[in-house]
C-alpha atoms as a PDB file:
ATOM      1  CA  MET A   1      -6.197  -2.614  -9.608  1.00  0.00           C
ATOM      2  CA  PRO A   2      -4.301  -1.415  -6.547  1.00  0.00           C
ATOM      3  CA  LEU A   3      -5.264  -2.360  -3.005  1.00  0.00           C
ATOM      4  CA  TYR A   4      -6.039   0.619  -0.766  1.00  0.00           C
ATOM      5  CA  ALA A   5      -6.768   0.824   2.952  1.00  0.00           C
ATOM      6  CA  TYR A   6      -9.534   3.164   4.136  1.00  0.00           C
ATOM      7  CA  VAL A   7     -11.181   4.444   7.310  1.00  0.00           C
ATOM      8  CA  CYS A   8     -14.802   5.562   7.102  1.00  0.00           C
ATOM      9  CA  ASN A   9     -15.382   9.057   8.515  1.00  0.00           C
ATOM     10  CA  ASP A  10     -19.002   8.204   9.391  1.00  0.00           C
ATOM     11  CA  CYS A  11     -18.764   4.813  11.146  1.00  0.00           C
ATOM     12  CA  ALA A  12     -14.965   4.511  11.771  1.00  0.00           C
ATOM     13  CA  ALA A  13     -14.802   1.129   9.981  1.00  0.00           C
ATOM     14  CA  GLU A  14     -11.343   0.121   8.725  1.00  0.00           C
ATOM     15  CA  PHE A  15     -11.140  -1.920   5.528  1.00  0.00           C
ATOM     16  CA  GLU A  16      -9.171  -2.562   2.338  1.00  0.00           C
ATOM     17  CA  LEU A  17     -10.524  -2.407  -1.216  1.00  0.00           C
ATOM     18  CA  LEU A  18      -9.291  -3.035  -4.721  1.00  0.00           C
ATOM     19  CA  VAL A  19     -10.074   0.245  -6.468  1.00  0.00           C
ATOM     20  CA  ARG A  20      -9.867   1.347 -10.087  1.00  0.00           C
ATOM     21  CA  ALA A  21      -8.829   4.950 -10.729  1.00  0.00           C
ATOM     22  CA  SER A  22     -12.301   5.788 -12.075  1.00  0.00           C
ATOM     23  CA  ASP A  23     -14.229   4.221  -9.158  1.00  0.00           C
ATOM     24  CA  VAL A  24     -15.451   6.038  -6.051  1.00  0.00           C
ATOM     25  CA  PRO A  25     -15.179   3.578  -3.138  1.00  0.00           C
ATOM     26  CA  ALA A  26     -17.910   3.226  -0.530  1.00  0.00           C
ATOM     27  CA  CYS A  27     -17.786   1.861   3.014  1.00  0.00           C
ATOM     28  CA  PRO A  28     -18.931  -1.782   3.105  1.00  0.00           C
ATOM     29  CA  SER A  29     -20.455  -1.233   6.585  1.00  0.00           C
ATOM     30  CA  CYS A  30     -22.563   1.894   6.088  1.00  0.00           C
ATOM     31  CA  GLY A  31     -22.277   2.752   2.379  1.00  0.00           C
ATOM     32  CA  SER A  32     -20.757   6.190   2.988  1.00  0.00           C
ATOM     33  CA  GLU A  33     -18.362   7.660   0.433  1.00  0.00           C
ATOM     34  CA  LYS A  34     -16.706   9.867   3.082  1.00  0.00           C
ATOM     35  CA  LEU A  35     -13.501   7.865   3.386  1.00  0.00           C
ATOM     36  CA  GLN A  36      -9.959   8.645   4.411  1.00  0.00           C
ATOM     37  CA  GLN A  37      -7.301   6.701   2.522  1.00  0.00           C
ATOM     38  CA  GLN A  38      -4.686   5.075   4.746  1.00  0.00           C
ATOM     39  CA  VAL A  39      -1.250   3.646   4.098  1.00  0.00           C
ATOM     40  CA  SER A  40      -1.606  -0.075   3.442  1.00  0.00           C
ATOM     41  CA  ARG A  41       0.707  -2.290   5.467  1.00  0.00           C
ATOM     42  CA  ILE A  42       1.305  -5.079   3.011  1.00  0.00           C
ATOM     43  CA  CYS A  43       5.048  -5.627   3.191  1.00  0.00           C
ATOM     44  CA  ASN A  44       6.260  -7.484   6.295  1.00  0.00           C
ATOM     45  CA  GLU A  45       9.945  -7.310   5.470  1.00  0.00           C
ATOM     46  CA  ILE A  46      11.719  -4.259   4.084  1.00  0.00           C
ATOM     47  CA  LYS A  47      14.887  -5.288   2.303  1.00  0.00           C
ATOM     48  CA  TYR A  48      16.292  -1.783   1.917  1.00  0.00           C
ATOM     49  CA  PRO A  49      17.256  -0.184   5.259  1.00  0.00           C
ATOM     50  CA  ALA A  50      17.351   3.332   3.762  1.00  0.00           C
ATOM     51  CA  ILE A  51      13.694   3.041   2.725  1.00  0.00           C
ATOM     52  CA  ALA A  52      12.702   1.727   6.157  1.00  0.00           C
ATOM     53  CA  LYS A  53      14.572   4.573   7.831  1.00  0.00           C
ATOM     54  CA  SER A  54      12.852   7.202   5.659  1.00  0.00           C
ATOM     55  CA  TRP A  55       9.413   5.684   6.358  1.00  0.00           C
ATOM     56  CA  ARG A  56      10.078   5.653  10.099  1.00  0.00           C
ATOM     57  CA  ARG A  57      11.320   9.253   9.983  1.00  0.00           C
ATOM     58  CA  ARG A  58       8.154  10.304   8.132  1.00  0.00           C
ATOM     59  CA  ALA A  59       5.925   8.435  10.615  1.00  0.00           C
ATOM     60  CA  ALA A  60       7.678  10.127  13.539  1.00  0.00           C
ATOM     61  CA  ALA A  61       7.250  13.553  11.913  1.00  0.00           C
ATOM     62  CA  GLU A  62       3.525  12.834  11.583  1.00  0.00           C
ATOM     63  CA  GLY A  63       3.326  11.811  15.248  1.00  0.00           C
ATOM     64  CA  ASP A  64       2.873   8.075  14.676  1.00  0.00           C
ATOM     65  CA  LEU A  65       5.339   6.237  16.900  1.00  0.00           C
ATOM     66  CA  SER A  66       3.632   2.826  16.853  1.00  0.00           C
ATOM     67  CA  ASN A  67       6.387   1.256  14.743  1.00  0.00           C
ATOM     68  CA  PHE A  68       9.154   2.288  17.164  1.00  0.00           C
ATOM     69  CA  SER A  69      10.320   0.339  20.205  1.00  0.00           C
ATOM     70  CA  LYS A  70       9.852   1.842  23.696  1.00  0.00           C
ATOM     71  CA  GLY A  71      13.520   2.847  23.779  1.00  0.00           C
ATOM     72  CA  GLU A  72      13.271   4.614  20.427  1.00  0.00           C
ATOM     73  CA  ARG A  73      10.124   6.521  21.450  1.00  0.00           C
ATOM     74  CA  LYS A  74      12.022   8.386  24.182  1.00  0.00           C
ATOM     75  CA  LEU A  75      14.461   9.947  21.696  1.00  0.00           C
END
């Protein structure tokens, strides 16, 4: 079973769950099934710079600059 990160649309709780493909996950805080799947941040070290660069480029295109340094955010 893969590990997925979610944010609940009803109570804004953030959590991770092991989910089978056939299961419909529910929020552990409020029980709602209105969830938004997030990108799990499991890997601390990326050994392939090209992959890291593509992920950072995608994050910047989506407006998420939290993984960039202050100097890189000004670019």
